[in-house]
Amino acid sequence: MTVQSPTTFPVTAKEQVAFHRTELSVILGLYGRMVAAGEWRDYGISCLRDLAVFSVFRRTAETPLYRIEKRPALRLRQGQFAVVGAEGQVLRRGNDLRQVLSVLERKLIRVVE
């Protein structure tokens, strides 16, 4: 199977980076909790040659609030997973997806008076 890449040359499906089912389960679990809390409303998934991106939006027409990136090339260096903020700053990086996503879990904790 070939997929047309934005750079106009065909890329075979096995050359693309994608999230595994277990990784998507962890990400969508967090996404569901954030939607229930009213923080997030939409998401998008991109599978490219060197990375896979799960983008989170507050509204559909905006730029993403956060990007959860998977870069397997960095697995032996900084870690293959990263959470990137709206301004492009890396909030957390590592090889354990649950640990990396913990930076976003803190957004769910609110003080009740």
PDB file of N, CA and C in Angstrom:
ATOM      1  N   MET A   1       0.836  -1.175   0.000  1.00  0.00           N
ATOM      2  CA  MET A   1       0.000   0.000   0.000  1.00  0.00           C
ATOM      3  C   MET A   1       0.881   1.240   0.000  1.00  0.00           C
ATOM      4  N   THR A   2       0.606   2.179  -0.854  1.00  0.00           N
ATOM      5  CA  THR A   2       1.353   3.437  -0.860  1.00  0.00           C
ATOM      6  C   THR A   2       0.417   4.577  -0.520  1.00  0.00           C
ATOM      7  N   VAL A   3       0.961   5.544   0.157  1.00  0.00           N
ATOM      8  CA  VAL A   3       0.213   6.715   0.577  1.00  0.00           C
ATOM      9  C   VAL A   3       0.897   7.931  -0.007  1.00  0.00           C
ATOM     10  N   GLN A   4       0.130   8.856  -0.565  1.00  0.00           N
ATOM     11  CA  GLN A   4       0.721  10.051  -1.151  1.00  0.00           C
ATOM     12  C   GLN A   4       1.148  11.002  -0.039  1.00  0.00           C
ATOM     13  N   SER A   5       2.407  11.325  -0.018  1.00  0.00           N
ATOM     14  CA  SER A   5       2.979  12.208   0.991  1.00  0.00           C
ATOM     15  C   SER A   5       2.803  13.665   0.564  1.00  0.00           C
ATOM     16  N   PRO A   6       2.786  14.620   1.515  1.00  0.00           N
ATOM     17  CA  PRO A   6       2.679  16.038   1.142  1.00  0.00           C
ATOM     18  C   PRO A   6       3.874  16.522   0.330  1.00  0.00           C
ATOM     19  N   THR A   7       4.969  15.776   0.351  1.00  0.00           N
ATOM     20  CA  THR A   7       6.134  16.181  -0.431  1.00  0.00           C
ATOM     21  C   THR A   7       6.085  15.602  -1.841  1.00  0.00           C
ATOM     22  N   THR A   8       4.953  15.067  -2.240  1.00  0.00           N
ATOM     23  CA  THR A   8       4.629  14.599  -3.584  1.00  0.00           C
ATOM     24  C   THR A   8       5.358  13.345  -4.048  1.00  0.00           C
ATOM     25  N   PHE A   9       5.966  12.568  -3.182  1.00  0.00           N
ATOM     26  CA  PHE A   9       6.483  11.279  -3.614  1.00  0.00           C
ATOM     27  C   PHE A   9       5.873  10.202  -2.741  1.00  0.00           C
ATOM     28  N   PRO A  10       5.607   9.026  -3.316  1.00  0.00           N
ATOM     29  CA  PRO A  10       4.898   7.989  -2.556  1.00  0.00           C
ATOM     30  C   PRO A  10       5.731   7.441  -1.406  1.00  0.00           C
ATOM     31  N   VAL A  11       5.053   7.175  -0.316  1.00  0.00           N
ATOM     32  CA  VAL A  11       5.670   6.597   0.875  1.00  0.00           C
ATOM     33  C   VAL A  11       4.908   5.322   1.185  1.00  0.00           C
ATOM     34  N   THR A  12       5.608   4.221   1.375  1.00  0.00           N
ATOM     35  CA  THR A  12       4.913   2.987   1.721  1.00  0.00           C
ATOM     36  C   THR A  12       4.448   3.061   3.171  1.00  0.00           C
ATOM     37  N   ALA A  13       3.416   2.321   3.486  1.00  0.00           N
ATOM     38  CA  ALA A  13       2.813   2.393   4.817  1.00  0.00           C
ATOM     39  C   ALA A  13       3.796   2.008   5.913  1.00  0.00           C
ATOM     40  N   LYS A  14       4.716   1.076   5.651  1.00  0.00           N
ATOM     41  CA  LYS A  14       5.637   0.662   6.701  1.00  0.00           C
ATOM     42  C   LYS A  14       6.726   1.701   6.958  1.00  0.00           C
ATOM     43  N   GLU A  15       6.877   2.701   6.086  1.00  0.00           N
ATOM     44  CA  GLU A  15       7.840   3.773   6.321  1.00  0.00           C
ATOM     45  C   GLU A  15       7.250   4.891   7.170  1.00  0.00           C
ATOM     46  N   GLN A  16       5.955   4.840   7.423  1.00  0.00           N
ATOM     47  CA  GLN A  16       5.311   5.858   8.239  1.00  0.00           C
ATOM     48  C   GLN A  16       5.385   5.483   9.710  1.00  0.00           C
ATOM     49  N   VAL A  17       5.475   6.500  10.535  1.00  0.00           N
ATOM     50  CA  VAL A  17       5.431   6.302  11.983  1.00  0.00           C
ATOM     51  C   VAL A  17       3.978   6.474  12.412  1.00  0.00           C
ATOM     52  N   ALA A  18       3.506   5.578  13.256  1.00  0.00           N
ATOM     53  CA  ALA A  18       2.130   5.652  13.753  1.00  0.00           C
ATOM     54  C   ALA A  18       2.124   5.257  15.221  1.00  0.00           C
ATOM     55  N   PHE A  19       1.068   5.646  15.906  1.00  0.00           N
ATOM     56  CA  PHE A  19       0.881   5.238  17.286  1.00  0.00           C
ATOM     57  C   PHE A  19       0.363   3.804  17.306  1.00  0.00           C
ATOM     58  N   HIS A  20       0.869   3.011  18.237  1.00  0.00           N
ATOM     59  CA  HIS A  20       0.388   1.649  18.435  1.00  0.00           C
ATOM     60  C   HIS A  20      -0.946   1.706  19.165  1.00  0.00           C
ATOM     61  N   ARG A  21      -1.712   0.644  19.088  1.00  0.00           N
ATOM     62  CA  ARG A  21      -3.034   0.590  19.726  1.00  0.00           C
ATOM     63  C   ARG A  21      -2.959   0.871  21.229  1.00  0.00           C
ATOM     64  N   THR A  22      -1.953   0.320  21.902  1.00  0.00           N
ATOM     65  CA  THR A  22      -1.826   0.551  23.349  1.00  0.00           C
ATOM     66  C   THR A  22      -1.466   2.003  23.648  1.00  0.00           C
ATOM     67  N   GLU A  23      -0.659   2.616  22.791  1.00  0.00           N
ATOM     68  CA  GLU A  23      -0.308   4.033  22.974  1.00  0.00           C
ATOM     69  C   GLU A  23      -1.537   4.906  22.757  1.00  0.00           C
ATOM     70  N   LEU A  24      -2.323   4.598  21.716  1.00  0.00           N
ATOM     71  CA  LEU A  24      -3.544   5.370  21.470  1.00  0.00           C
ATOM     72  C   LEU A  24      -4.553   5.198  22.600  1.00  0.00           C
ATOM     73  N   SER A  25      -4.590   4.031  23.197  1.00  0.00           N
ATOM     74  CA  SER A  25      -5.495   3.799  24.322  1.00  0.00           C
ATOM     75  C   SER A  25      -5.165   4.722  25.492  1.00  0.00           C
ATOM     76  N   VAL A  26      -3.888   4.877  25.786  1.00  0.00           N
ATOM     77  CA  VAL A  26      -3.456   5.769  26.870  1.00  0.00           C
ATOM     78  C   VAL A  26      -3.780   7.219  26.522  1.00  0.00           C
ATOM     79  N   ILE A  27      -3.490   7.618  25.301  1.00  0.00           N
ATOM     80  CA  ILE A  27      -3.736   9.004  24.874  1.00  0.00           C
ATOM     81  C   ILE A  27      -5.226   9.312  24.863  1.00  0.00           C
ATOM     82  N   LEU A  28      -6.029   8.414  24.311  1.00  0.00           N
ATOM     83  CA  LEU A  28      -7.472   8.659  24.245  1.00  0.00           C
ATOM     84  C   LEU A  28      -8.130   8.597  25.618  1.00  0.00           C
ATOM     85  N   GLY A  29      -7.556   7.849  26.547  1.00  0.00           N
ATOM     86  CA  GLY A  29      -8.057   7.865  27.921  1.00  0.00           C
ATOM     87  C   GLY A  29      -7.899   9.240  28.550  1.00  0.00           C
ATOM     88  N   LEU A  30      -6.715   9.825  28.373  1.00  0.00           N
ATOM     89  CA  LEU A  30      -6.482  11.189  28.855  1.00  0.00           C
ATOM     90  C   LEU A  30      -7.383  12.175  28.126  1.00  0.00           C
ATOM     91  N   TYR A  31      -7.503  12.010  26.817  1.00  0.00           N
ATOM     92  CA  TYR A  31      -8.349  12.907  26.022  1.00  0.00           C
ATOM     93  C   TYR A  31      -9.798  12.883  26.520  1.00  0.00           C
ATOM     94  N   GLY A  32     -10.318  11.694  26.791  1.00  0.00           N
ATOM     95  CA  GLY A  32     -11.689  11.574  27.280  1.00  0.00           C
ATOM     96  C   GLY A  32     -11.901  12.274  28.612  1.00  0.00           C
ATOM     97  N   ARG A  33     -10.924  12.142  29.502  1.00  0.00           N
ATOM     98  CA  ARG A  33     -11.039  12.828  30.804  1.00  0.00           C
ATOM     99  C   ARG A  33     -10.989  14.344  30.637  1.00  0.00           C
ATOM    100  N   MET A  34     -10.153  14.827  29.727  1.00  0.00           N
ATOM    101  CA  MET A  34     -10.054  16.274  29.508  1.00  0.00           C
ATOM    102  C   MET A  34     -11.302  16.819  28.813  1.00  0.00           C
ATOM    103  N   VAL A  35     -11.919  16.048  27.932  1.00  0.00           N
ATOM    104  CA  VAL A  35     -13.177  16.460  27.305  1.00  0.00           C
ATOM    105  C   VAL A  35     -14.272  16.527  28.365  1.00  0.00           C
ATOM    106  N   ALA A  36     -14.310  15.533  29.241  1.00  0.00           N
ATOM    107  CA  ALA A  36     -15.312  15.526  30.314  1.00  0.00           C
ATOM    108  C   ALA A  36     -15.142  16.717  31.246  1.00  0.00           C
ATOM    109  N   ALA A  37     -13.898  17.162  31.429  1.00  0.00           N
ATOM    110  CA  ALA A  37     -13.636  18.325  32.271  1.00  0.00           C
ATOM    111  C   ALA A  37     -13.885  19.640  31.532  1.00  0.00           C
ATOM    112  N   GLY A  38     -14.162  19.565  30.224  1.00  0.00           N
ATOM    113  CA  GLY A  38     -14.449  20.767  29.446  1.00  0.00           C
ATOM    114  C   GLY A  38     -13.212  21.505  28.958  1.00  0.00           C
ATOM    115  N   GLU A  39     -12.047  20.881  29.039  1.00  0.00           N
ATOM    116  CA  GLU A  39     -10.800  21.535  28.642  1.00  0.00           C
ATOM    117  C   GLU A  39     -10.510  21.389  27.149  1.00  0.00           C
ATOM    118  N   TRP A  40     -10.760  20.225  26.613  1.00  0.00           N
ATOM    119  CA  TRP A  40     -10.441  19.939  25.206  1.00  0.00           C
ATOM    120  C   TRP A  40     -11.717  19.619  24.451  1.00  0.00           C
ATOM    121  N   ARG A  41     -11.699  19.877  23.126  1.00  0.00           N
ATOM    122  CA  ARG A  41     -12.905  19.614  22.335  1.00  0.00           C
ATOM    123  C   ARG A  41     -12.668  18.820  21.060  1.00  0.00           C
ATOM    124  N   ASP A  42     -11.455  18.856  20.515  1.00  0.00           N
ATOM    125  CA  ASP A  42     -11.206  18.197  19.237  1.00  0.00           C
ATOM    126  C   ASP A  42      -9.770  17.689  19.197  1.00  0.00           C
ATOM    127  N   TYR A  43      -9.507  16.762  18.299  1.00  0.00           N
ATOM    128  CA  TYR A  43      -8.149  16.260  18.132  1.00  0.00           C
ATOM    129  C   TYR A  43      -7.893  15.918  16.675  1.00  0.00           C
ATOM    130  N   GLY A  44      -6.628  15.767  16.340  1.00  0.00           N
ATOM    131  CA  GLY A  44      -6.219  15.351  15.005  1.00  0.00           C
ATOM    132  C   GLY A  44      -4.997  14.456  15.114  1.00  0.00           C
ATOM    133  N   ILE A  45      -4.901  13.488  14.216  1.00  0.00           N
ATOM    134  CA  ILE A  45      -3.766  12.566  14.206  1.00  0.00           C
ATOM    135  C   ILE A  45      -3.081  12.669  12.856  1.00  0.00           C
ATOM    136  N   SER A  46      -1.762  12.818  12.875  1.00  0.00           N
ATOM    137  CA  SER A  46      -0.961  12.847  11.650  1.00  0.00           C
ATOM    138  C   SER A  46       0.107  11.769  11.752  1.00  0.00           C
ATOM    139  N   CYS A  47       0.227  10.965  10.707  1.00  0.00           N
ATOM    140  CA  CYS A  47       1.259   9.930  10.633  1.00  0.00           C
ATOM    141  C   CYS A  47       2.190  10.288   9.484  1.00  0.00           C
ATOM    142  N   LEU A  48       3.384  10.710   9.810  1.00  0.00           N
ATOM    143  CA  LEU A  48       4.354  11.144   8.816  1.00  0.00           C
ATOM    144  C   LEU A  48       5.503  10.157   8.742  1.00  0.00           C
ATOM    145  N   ARG A  49       6.497  10.460   7.939  1.00  0.00           N
ATOM    146  CA  ARG A  49       7.609   9.547   7.747  1.00  0.00           C
ATOM    147  C   ARG A  49       8.465   9.406   9.003  1.00  0.00           C
ATOM    148  N   ASP A  50       8.752  10.504   9.698  1.00  0.00           N
ATOM    149  CA  ASP A  50       9.656  10.442  10.847  1.00  0.00           C
ATOM    150  C   ASP A  50       8.971  10.650  12.186  1.00  0.00           C
ATOM    151  N   LEU A  51       7.692  11.022  12.194  1.00  0.00           N
ATOM    152  CA  LEU A  51       6.990  11.191  13.461  1.00  0.00           C
ATOM    153  C   LEU A  51       5.494  11.005  13.299  1.00  0.00           C
ATOM    154  N   ALA A  52       4.845  10.708  14.411  1.00  0.00           N
ATOM    155  CA  ALA A  52       3.387  10.659  14.502  1.00  0.00           C
ATOM    156  C   ALA A  52       2.980  11.720  15.515  1.00  0.00           C
ATOM    157  N   VAL A  53       1.899  12.444  15.218  1.00  0.00           N
ATOM    158  CA  VAL A  53       1.476  13.550  16.065  1.00  0.00           C
ATOM    159  C   VAL A  53      -0.003  13.408  16.407  1.00  0.00           C
ATOM    160  N   PHE A  54      -0.316  13.540  17.699  1.00  0.00           N
ATOM    161  CA  PHE A  54      -1.687  13.621  18.180  1.00  0.00           C
ATOM    162  C   PHE A  54      -1.864  15.056  18.659  1.00  0.00           C
ATOM    163  N   SER A  55      -2.648  15.858  17.936  1.00  0.00           N
ATOM    164  CA  SER A  55      -2.837  17.270  18.270  1.00  0.00           C
ATOM    165  C   SER A  55      -4.156  17.451  19.002  1.00  0.00           C
ATOM    166  N   VAL A  56      -4.142  18.294  20.031  1.00  0.00           N
ATOM    167  CA  VAL A  56      -5.326  18.545  20.854  1.00  0.00           C
ATOM    168  C   VAL A  56      -5.734  20.001  20.681  1.00  0.00           C
ATOM    169  N   PHE A  57      -7.039  20.224  20.475  1.00  0.00           N
ATOM    170  CA  PHE A  57      -7.565  21.570  20.244  1.00  0.00           C
ATOM    171  C   PHE A  57      -8.630  21.925  21.273  1.00  0.00           C
ATOM    172  N   ARG A  58      -8.690  23.189  21.620  1.00  0.00           N
ATOM    173  CA  ARG A  58      -9.799  23.677  22.451  1.00  0.00           C
ATOM    174  C   ARG A  58     -11.018  23.897  21.561  1.00  0.00           C
ATOM    175  N   ARG A  59     -10.800  24.479  20.383  1.00  0.00           N
ATOM    176  CA  ARG A  59     -11.831  24.639  19.356  1.00  0.00           C
ATOM    177  C   ARG A  59     -11.251  24.155  18.037  1.00  0.00           C
ATOM    178  N   THR A  60     -12.107  23.765  17.134  1.00  0.00           N
ATOM    179  CA  THR A  60     -11.659  23.149  15.889  1.00  0.00           C
ATOM    180  C   THR A  60     -10.806  24.079  15.042  1.00  0.00           C
ATOM    181  N   ALA A  61     -11.122  25.345  14.983  1.00  0.00           N
ATOM    182  CA  ALA A  61     -10.453  26.270  14.064  1.00  0.00           C
ATOM    183  C   ALA A  61      -9.159  26.858  14.614  1.00  0.00           C
ATOM    184  N   GLU A  62      -8.772  26.494  15.809  1.00  0.00           N
ATOM    185  CA  GLU A  62      -7.572  27.069  16.419  1.00  0.00           C
ATOM    186  C   GLU A  62      -6.334  26.238  16.136  1.00  0.00           C
ATOM    187  N   THR A  63      -5.204  26.778  16.565  1.00  0.00           N
ATOM    188  CA  THR A  63      -3.970  26.001  16.554  1.00  0.00           C
ATOM    189  C   THR A  63      -4.017  25.037  17.739  1.00  0.00           C
ATOM    190  N   PRO A  64      -3.276  23.951  17.692  1.00  0.00           N
ATOM    191  CA  PRO A  64      -3.360  22.976  18.787  1.00  0.00           C
ATOM    192  C   PRO A  64      -2.847  23.526  20.116  1.00  0.00           C
ATOM    193  N   LEU A  65      -3.537  23.166  21.188  1.00  0.00           N
ATOM    194  CA  LEU A  65      -3.073  23.512  22.535  1.00  0.00           C
ATOM    195  C   LEU A  65      -1.817  22.714  22.873  1.00  0.00           C
ATOM    196  N   TYR A  66      -1.856  21.432  22.547  1.00  0.00           N
ATOM    197  CA  TYR A  66      -0.740  20.532  22.822  1.00  0.00           C
ATOM    198  C   TYR A  66      -0.586  19.572  21.654  1.00  0.00           C
ATOM    199  N   ARG A  67       0.637  19.107  21.475  1.00  0.00           N
ATOM    200  CA  ARG A  67       0.931  18.049  20.514  1.00  0.00           C
ATOM    201  C   ARG A  67       1.649  16.939  21.252  1.00  0.00           C
ATOM    202  N   ILE A  68       1.168  15.727  21.090  1.00  0.00           N
ATOM    203  CA  ILE A  68       1.842  14.553  21.633  1.00  0.00           C
ATOM    204  C   ILE A  68       2.548  13.909  20.450  1.00  0.00           C
ATOM    205  N   GLU A  69       3.866  13.899  20.494  1.00  0.00           N
ATOM    206  CA  GLU A  69       4.657  13.440  19.355  1.00  0.00           C
ATOM    207  C   GLU A  69       5.363  12.126  19.669  1.00  0.00           C
ATOM    208  N   LYS A  70       5.473  11.300  18.648  1.00  0.00           N
ATOM    209  CA  LYS A  70       6.238  10.053  18.743  1.00  0.00           C
ATOM    210  C   LYS A  70       7.310  10.099  17.660  1.00  0.00           C
ATOM    211  N   ARG A  71       8.572  10.123  18.088  1.00  0.00           N
ATOM    212  CA  ARG A  71       9.717  10.120  17.177  1.00  0.00           C
ATOM    213  C   ARG A  71      10.620   8.943  17.532  1.00  0.00           C
ATOM    214  N   PRO A  72      10.453   7.804  16.859  1.00  0.00           N
ATOM    215  CA  PRO A  72      11.250   6.621  17.197  1.00  0.00           C
ATOM    216  C   PRO A  72      12.758   6.828  17.037  1.00  0.00           C
ATOM    217  N   ALA A  73      13.181   7.758  16.212  1.00  0.00           N
ATOM    218  CA  ALA A  73      14.611   8.008  16.024  1.00  0.00           C
ATOM    219  C   ALA A  73      15.269   8.523  17.300  1.00  0.00           C
ATOM    220  N   LEU A  74      14.487   9.132  18.212  1.00  0.00           N
ATOM    221  CA  LEU A  74      15.026   9.682  19.461  1.00  0.00           C
ATOM    222  C   LEU A  74      14.904   8.704  20.630  1.00  0.00           C
ATOM    223  N   ARG A  75      14.483   7.469  20.368  1.00  0.00           N
ATOM    224  CA  ARG A  75      14.213   6.509  21.434  1.00  0.00           C
ATOM    225  C   ARG A  75      15.441   6.202  22.277  1.00  0.00           C
ATOM    226  N   LEU A  76      16.617   6.195  21.683  1.00  0.00           N
ATOM    227  CA  LEU A  76      17.840   5.895  22.437  1.00  0.00           C
ATOM    228  C   LEU A  76      18.513   7.146  22.983  1.00  0.00           C
ATOM    229  N   ARG A  77      18.017   8.309  22.653  1.00  0.00           N
ATOM    230  CA  ARG A  77      18.620   9.563  23.127  1.00  0.00           C
ATOM    231  C   ARG A  77      17.748  10.225  24.177  1.00  0.00           C
ATOM    232  N   GLN A  78      16.838  11.087  23.737  1.00  0.00           N
ATOM    233  CA  GLN A  78      16.026  11.871  24.667  1.00  0.00           C
ATOM    234  C   GLN A  78      14.712  11.195  25.024  1.00  0.00           C
ATOM    235  N   GLY A  79      14.307  10.236  24.246  1.00  0.00           N
ATOM    236  CA  GLY A  79      13.014   9.585  24.449  1.00  0.00           C
ATOM    237  C   GLY A  79      12.139   9.808  23.238  1.00  0.00           C
ATOM    238  N   GLN A  80      11.366   8.803  22.874  1.00  0.00           N
ATOM    239  CA  GLN A  80      10.606   8.899  21.638  1.00  0.00           C
ATOM    240  C   GLN A  80       9.302   9.668  21.768  1.00  0.00           C
ATOM    241  N   PHE A  81       8.799   9.884  22.984  1.00  0.00           N
ATOM    242  CA  PHE A  81       7.556  10.611  23.177  1.00  0.00           C
ATOM    243  C   PHE A  81       7.837  12.003  23.726  1.00  0.00           C
ATOM    244  N   ALA A  82       7.036  12.981  23.283  1.00  0.00           N
ATOM    245  CA  ALA A  82       7.183  14.346  23.779  1.00  0.00           C
ATOM    246  C   ALA A  82       5.815  15.016  23.803  1.00  0.00           C
ATOM    247  N   VAL A  83       5.630  15.893  24.784  1.00  0.00           N
ATOM    248  CA  VAL A  83       4.459  16.763  24.831  1.00  0.00           C
ATOM    249  C   VAL A  83       4.964  18.160  24.520  1.00  0.00           C
ATOM    250  N   VAL A  84       4.400  18.751  23.472  1.00  0.00           N
ATOM    251  CA  VAL A  84       4.832  20.073  23.001  1.00  0.00           C
ATOM    252  C   VAL A  84       3.681  21.043  23.202  1.00  0.00           C
ATOM    253  N   GLY A  85       3.969  22.220  23.781  1.00  0.00           N
ATOM    254  CA  GLY A  85       2.958  23.236  24.027  1.00  0.00           C
ATOM    255  C   GLY A  85       2.593  24.008  22.778  1.00  0.00           C
ATOM    256  N   ALA A  86       1.657  24.938  22.916  1.00  0.00           N
ATOM    257  CA  ALA A  86       1.157  25.719  21.790  1.00  0.00           C
ATOM    258  C   ALA A  86       2.232  26.589  21.154  1.00  0.00           C
ATOM    259  N   GLU A  87       3.173  27.046  21.944  1.00  0.00           N
ATOM    260  CA  GLU A  87       4.235  27.923  21.437  1.00  0.00           C
ATOM    261  C   GLU A  87       5.441  27.144  20.919  1.00  0.00           C
ATOM    262  N   GLY A  88       5.383  25.811  20.963  1.00  0.00           N
ATOM    263  CA  GLY A  88       6.474  24.996  20.466  1.00  0.00           C
ATOM    264  C   GLY A  88       7.453  24.537  21.531  1.00  0.00           C
ATOM    265  N   GLN A  89       7.210  24.886  22.785  1.00  0.00           N
ATOM    266  CA  GLN A  89       8.104  24.469  23.863  1.00  0.00           C
ATOM    267  C   GLN A  89       7.846  23.013  24.239  1.00  0.00           C
ATOM    268  N   VAL A  90       8.898  22.251  24.453  1.00  0.00           N
ATOM    269  CA  VAL A  90       8.773  20.857  24.868  1.00  0.00           C
ATOM    270  C   VAL A  90       8.518  20.843  26.368  1.00  0.00           C
ATOM    271  N   LEU A  91       7.346  20.354  26.772  1.00  0.00           N
ATOM    272  CA  LEU A  91       6.982  20.321  28.186  1.00  0.00           C
ATOM    273  C   LEU A  91       7.556  19.108  28.889  1.00  0.00           C
ATOM    274  N   ARG A  92       7.635  17.985  28.174  1.00  0.00           N
ATOM    275  CA  ARG A  92       8.194  16.776  28.755  1.00  0.00           C
ATOM    276  C   ARG A  92       8.563  15.810  27.642  1.00  0.00           C
ATOM    277  N   ARG A  93       9.631  15.048  27.853  1.00  0.00           N
ATOM    278  CA  ARG A  93      10.101  14.076  26.871  1.00  0.00           C
ATOM    279  C   ARG A  93      10.551  12.822  27.599  1.00  0.00           C
ATOM    280  N   GLY A  94      10.352  11.661  26.981  1.00  0.00           N
ATOM    281  CA  GLY A  94      10.796  10.409  27.578  1.00  0.00           C
ATOM    282  C   GLY A  94      10.340   9.212  26.778  1.00  0.00           C
ATOM    283  N   ASN A  95      10.685   8.019  27.258  1.00  0.00           N
ATOM    284  CA  ASN A  95      10.296   6.781  26.586  1.00  0.00           C
ATOM    285  C   ASN A  95       9.028   6.160  27.160  1.00  0.00           C
ATOM    286  N   ASP A  96       8.622   6.558  28.360  1.00  0.00           N
ATOM    287  CA  ASP A  96       7.406   6.043  28.983  1.00  0.00           C
ATOM    288  C   ASP A  96       6.264   7.028  28.715  1.00  0.00           C
ATOM    289  N   LEU A  97       5.313   6.622  27.879  1.00  0.00           N
ATOM    290  CA  LEU A  97       4.233   7.523  27.466  1.00  0.00           C
ATOM    291  C   LEU A  97       3.406   7.997  28.657  1.00  0.00           C
ATOM    292  N   ARG A  98       3.086   7.121  29.582  1.00  0.00           N
ATOM    293  CA  ARG A  98       2.285   7.540  30.748  1.00  0.00           C
ATOM    294  C   ARG A  98       3.010   8.608  31.572  1.00  0.00           C
ATOM    295  N   GLN A  99       4.314   8.449  31.729  1.00  0.00           N
ATOM    296  CA  GLN A  99       5.107   9.420  32.477  1.00  0.00           C
ATOM    297  C   GLN A  99       5.151  10.764  31.747  1.00  0.00           C
ATOM    298  N   VAL A 100       5.276  10.714  30.437  1.00  0.00           N
ATOM    299  CA  VAL A 100       5.319  11.945  29.636  1.00  0.00           C
ATOM    300  C   VAL A 100       3.978  12.669  29.707  1.00  0.00           C
ATOM    301  N   LEU A 101       2.881  11.921  29.661  1.00  0.00           N
ATOM    302  CA  LEU A 101       1.546  12.529  29.698  1.00  0.00           C
ATOM    303  C   LEU A 101       1.168  13.033  31.082  1.00  0.00           C
ATOM    304  N   SER A 102       1.934  12.676  32.096  1.00  0.00           N
ATOM    305  CA  SER A 102       1.612  13.134  33.455  1.00  0.00           C
ATOM    306  C   SER A 102       1.674  14.647  33.570  1.00  0.00           C
ATOM    307  N   VAL A 103       2.426  15.299  32.698  1.00  0.00           N
ATOM    308  CA  VAL A 103       2.473  16.764  32.712  1.00  0.00           C
ATOM    309  C   VAL A 103       1.101  17.351  32.348  1.00  0.00           C
ATOM    310  N   LEU A 104       0.315  16.638  31.553  1.00  0.00           N
ATOM    311  CA  LEU A 104      -1.031  17.096  31.200  1.00  0.00           C
ATOM    312  C   LEU A 104      -2.065  16.665  32.226  1.00  0.00           C
ATOM    313  N   GLU A 105      -1.805  15.588  32.960  1.00  0.00           N
ATOM    314  CA  GLU A 105      -2.726  15.115  33.997  1.00  0.00           C
ATOM    315  C   GLU A 105      -2.912  16.161  35.089  1.00  0.00           C
ATOM    316  N   ARG A 106      -1.864  16.937  35.344  1.00  0.00           N
ATOM    317  CA  ARG A 106      -1.950  17.967  36.382  1.00  0.00           C
ATOM    318  C   ARG A 106      -3.000  19.017  36.070  1.00  0.00           C
ATOM    319  N   LYS A 107      -3.329  19.165  34.795  1.00  0.00           N
ATOM    320  CA  LYS A 107      -4.350  20.142  34.399  1.00  0.00           C
ATOM    321  C   LYS A 107      -5.733  19.731  34.904  1.00  0.00           C
ATOM    322  N   LEU A 108      -5.928  18.440  35.192  1.00  0.00           N
ATOM    323  CA  LEU A 108      -7.222  17.948  35.686  1.00  0.00           C
ATOM    324  C   LEU A 108      -7.442  18.248  37.159  1.00  0.00           C
ATOM    325  N   ILE A 109      -6.368  18.442  37.898  1.00  0.00           N
ATOM    326  CA  ILE A 109      -6.469  18.678  39.332  1.00  0.00           C
ATOM    327  C   ILE A 109      -6.844  20.126  39.568  1.00  0.00           C
ATOM    328  N   ARG A 110      -7.982  20.332  40.230  1.00  0.00           N
ATOM    329  CA  ARG A 110      -8.458  21.684  40.524  1.00  0.00           C
ATOM    330  C   ARG A 110      -8.727  21.821  42.009  1.00  0.00           C
ATOM    331  N   VAL A 111      -8.545  23.014  42.504  1.00  0.00           N
ATOM    332  CA  VAL A 111      -8.829  23.291  43.903  1.00  0.00           C
ATOM    333  C   VAL A 111     -10.317  23.561  44.053  1.00  0.00           C
ATOM    334  N   VAL A 112     -10.947  22.858  44.995  1.00  0.00           N
ATOM    335  CA  VAL A 112     -12.374  23.038  45.269  1.00  0.00           C
ATOM    336  C   VAL A 112     -12.500  23.723  46.618  1.00  0.00           C
ATOM    337  N   GLU A 113     -13.208  24.824  46.644  1.00  0.00           N
ATOM    338  CA  GLU A 113     -13.374  25.573  47.898  1.00  0.00           C
ATOM    339  C   GLU A 113     -14.739  25.396  48.478  1.00  0.00           C
TER     340      GLU A 113
END
